Amino acid sequence: IMFQVAEHLFCFAFFFEWIVRFSAFKDKKDCFRDTSFVFDTVLAWMSVGETWIMTCIVAFYFSGGAPQIGNTSVLRLFRLIRISRMARVL
């Protein structure tokens, strides 16, 4: 259960960071020109999809048993890439 709590906290932190960065653009169209923001957008929304949306779908449709929803390691790999990129900036 500790892993799930940590996963939700990281997802919230990434999503909150995305909202702050999106709000910082004076002209919202400029966010599509910033390649690092586009990359972070894809990662943040994939994280939200995996952590919150897929959890709700699985809980709603498969409440009786544990379903096999596929391998989500690719999403985790993208998250690791983002974290390593953030560490490089620091």
C-alpha atoms as a PDB file:
ATOM      1  CA  ILE A   1       0.000   0.000   0.000  1.00  0.00           C
ATOM      2  CA  MET A   2       2.967   2.318   0.595  1.00  0.00           C
ATOM      3  CA  PHE A   3       3.947   2.013  -3.084  1.00  0.00           C
ATOM      4  CA  GLN A   4       0.447   3.081  -4.164  1.00  0.00           C
ATOM      5  CA  VAL A   5       0.498   6.095  -1.853  1.00  0.00           C
ATOM      6  CA  ALA A   6       3.902   7.136  -3.198  1.00  0.00           C
ATOM      7  CA  GLU A   7       2.724   6.642  -6.785  1.00  0.00           C
ATOM      8  CA  HIS A   8      -0.306   8.885  -6.197  1.00  0.00           C
ATOM      9  CA  LEU A   9       1.851  11.534  -4.524  1.00  0.00           C
ATOM     10  CA  PHE A  10       4.324  11.595  -7.422  1.00  0.00           C
ATOM     11  CA  CYS A  11       1.478  11.728  -9.921  1.00  0.00           C
ATOM     12  CA  PHE A  12      -0.057  14.659  -8.039  1.00  0.00           C
ATOM     13  CA  ALA A  13       3.316  16.435  -7.890  1.00  0.00           C
ATOM     14  CA  PHE A  14       3.945  15.996 -11.637  1.00  0.00           C
ATOM     15  CA  PHE A  15       0.413  17.091 -12.479  1.00  0.00           C
ATOM     16  CA  PHE A  16       0.637  20.130 -10.185  1.00  0.00           C
ATOM     17  CA  GLU A  17       3.981  21.080 -11.754  1.00  0.00           C
ATOM     18  CA  TRP A  18       2.388  20.791 -15.195  1.00  0.00           C
ATOM     19  CA  ILE A  19      -0.476  23.097 -14.152  1.00  0.00           C
ATOM     20  CA  VAL A  20       1.960  25.678 -12.762  1.00  0.00           C
ATOM     21  CA  ARG A  21       4.123  25.570 -15.893  1.00  0.00           C
ATOM     22  CA  PHE A  22       1.080  25.817 -18.177  1.00  0.00           C
ATOM     23  CA  SER A  23      -0.226  28.770 -16.172  1.00  0.00           C
ATOM     24  CA  ALA A  24       3.129  30.529 -16.523  1.00  0.00           C
ATOM     25  CA  PHE A  25       2.757  30.859 -20.299  1.00  0.00           C
ATOM     26  CA  LYS A  26       1.364  34.279 -21.126  1.00  0.00           C
ATOM     27  CA  ASP A  27       0.289  33.098 -24.559  1.00  0.00           C
ATOM     28  CA  LYS A  28      -0.945  29.512 -24.161  1.00  0.00           C
ATOM     29  CA  LYS A  29      -0.014  28.708 -27.771  1.00  0.00           C
ATOM     30  CA  ASP A  30       3.659  29.066 -26.842  1.00  0.00           C
ATOM     31  CA  CYS A  31       3.498  25.893 -24.778  1.00  0.00           C
ATOM     32  CA  PHE A  32       3.444  23.867 -28.022  1.00  0.00           C
ATOM     33  CA  ARG A  33       6.741  25.450 -29.088  1.00  0.00           C
ATOM     34  CA  ASP A  34       8.542  24.484 -25.879  1.00  0.00           C
ATOM     35  CA  THR A  35       9.740  20.926 -26.513  1.00  0.00           C
ATOM     36  CA  SER A  36      10.485  20.170 -22.876  1.00  0.00           C
ATOM     37  CA  PHE A  37       6.957  21.249 -21.941  1.00  0.00           C
ATOM     38  CA  VAL A  38       5.485  19.032 -24.653  1.00  0.00           C
ATOM     39  CA  PHE A  39       7.558  16.112 -23.350  1.00  0.00           C
ATOM     40  CA  ASP A  40       6.434  16.826 -19.779  1.00  0.00           C
ATOM     41  CA  THR A  41       2.834  17.111 -20.969  1.00  0.00           C
ATOM     42  CA  VAL A  42       2.952  13.660 -22.493  1.00  0.00           C
ATOM     43  CA  LEU A  43       4.550  12.189 -19.374  1.00  0.00           C
ATOM     44  CA  ALA A  44       2.224  13.939 -16.941  1.00  0.00           C
ATOM     45  CA  TRP A  45      -0.899  12.884 -18.796  1.00  0.00           C
ATOM     46  CA  MET A  46       0.380   9.334 -19.222  1.00  0.00           C
ATOM     47  CA  SER A  47       1.021   9.251 -15.494  1.00  0.00           C
ATOM     48  CA  VAL A  48      -2.472  10.569 -14.756  1.00  0.00           C
ATOM     49  CA  GLY A  49      -3.929   8.026 -17.154  1.00  0.00           C
ATOM     50  CA  GLU A  50      -2.033   5.129 -15.640  1.00  0.00           C
ATOM     51  CA  THR A  51      -2.408   6.110 -11.997  1.00  0.00           C
ATOM     52  CA  TRP A  52      -5.879   7.595 -11.735  1.00  0.00           C
ATOM     53  CA  ILE A  53      -7.908   6.821 -14.851  1.00  0.00           C
ATOM     54  CA  MET A  54      -6.824   3.199 -15.300  1.00  0.00           C
ATOM     55  CA  THR A  55      -7.276   2.602 -11.559  1.00  0.00           C
ATOM     56  CA  CYS A  56     -10.860   3.832 -11.770  1.00  0.00           C
ATOM     57  CA  ILE A  57     -11.561   1.778 -14.896  1.00  0.00           C
ATOM     58  CA  VAL A  58     -10.098  -1.373 -13.379  1.00  0.00           C
ATOM     59  CA  ALA A  59     -11.951  -0.839 -10.102  1.00  0.00           C
ATOM     60  CA  PHE A  60     -15.231  -0.224 -11.933  1.00  0.00           C
ATOM     61  CA  TYR A  61     -15.116  -2.989 -14.522  1.00  0.00           C
ATOM     62  CA  PHE A  62     -13.099  -5.665 -12.773  1.00  0.00           C
ATOM     63  CA  SER A  63     -14.255  -5.443  -9.169  1.00  0.00           C
ATOM     64  CA  GLY A  64     -14.552  -9.238  -8.934  1.00  0.00           C
ATOM     65  CA  GLY A  65     -10.997 -10.280  -9.751  1.00  0.00           C
ATOM     66  CA  ALA A  66      -7.529  -9.141 -10.687  1.00  0.00           C
ATOM     67  CA  PRO A  67      -7.437  -8.373 -14.433  1.00  0.00           C
ATOM     68  CA  GLN A  68      -4.419  -8.447 -16.696  1.00  0.00           C
ATOM     69  CA  ILE A  69      -4.312  -4.934 -18.166  1.00  0.00           C
ATOM     70  CA  GLY A  70      -0.986  -5.304 -19.923  1.00  0.00           C
ATOM     71  CA  ASN A  71       2.570  -4.234 -19.341  1.00  0.00           C
ATOM     72  CA  THR A  72       2.858  -0.606 -18.229  1.00  0.00           C
ATOM     73  CA  SER A  73       6.620  -0.689 -17.829  1.00  0.00           C
ATOM     74  CA  VAL A  74       6.999   1.610 -20.839  1.00  0.00           C
ATOM     75  CA  LEU A  75       5.177   4.347 -18.918  1.00  0.00           C
ATOM     76  CA  ARG A  76       7.470   3.841 -15.950  1.00  0.00           C
ATOM     77  CA  LEU A  77      10.477   4.024 -18.268  1.00  0.00           C
ATOM     78  CA  PHE A  78       9.327   7.430 -19.521  1.00  0.00           C
ATOM     79  CA  ARG A  79       8.938   8.567 -15.923  1.00  0.00           C
ATOM     80  CA  LEU A  80      12.505   7.467 -15.175  1.00  0.00           C
ATOM     81  CA  ILE A  81      13.718   9.429 -18.182  1.00  0.00           C
ATOM     82  CA  ARG A  82      11.939  12.510 -16.889  1.00  0.00           C
ATOM     83  CA  ILE A  83      13.353  12.093 -13.387  1.00  0.00           C
ATOM     84  CA  SER A  84      16.884  11.655 -14.758  1.00  0.00           C
ATOM     85  CA  ARG A  85      16.412  14.778 -16.879  1.00  0.00           C
ATOM     86  CA  MET A  86      15.297  16.717 -13.802  1.00  0.00           C
ATOM     87  CA  ALA A  87      18.297  15.438 -11.833  1.00  0.00           C
ATOM     88  CA  ARG A  88      20.637  16.534 -14.609  1.00  0.00           C
ATOM     89  CA  VAL A  89      19.230  20.080 -14.434  1.00  0.00           C
ATOM     90  CA  LEU A  90      19.823  20.262 -10.709  1.00  0.00           C
END
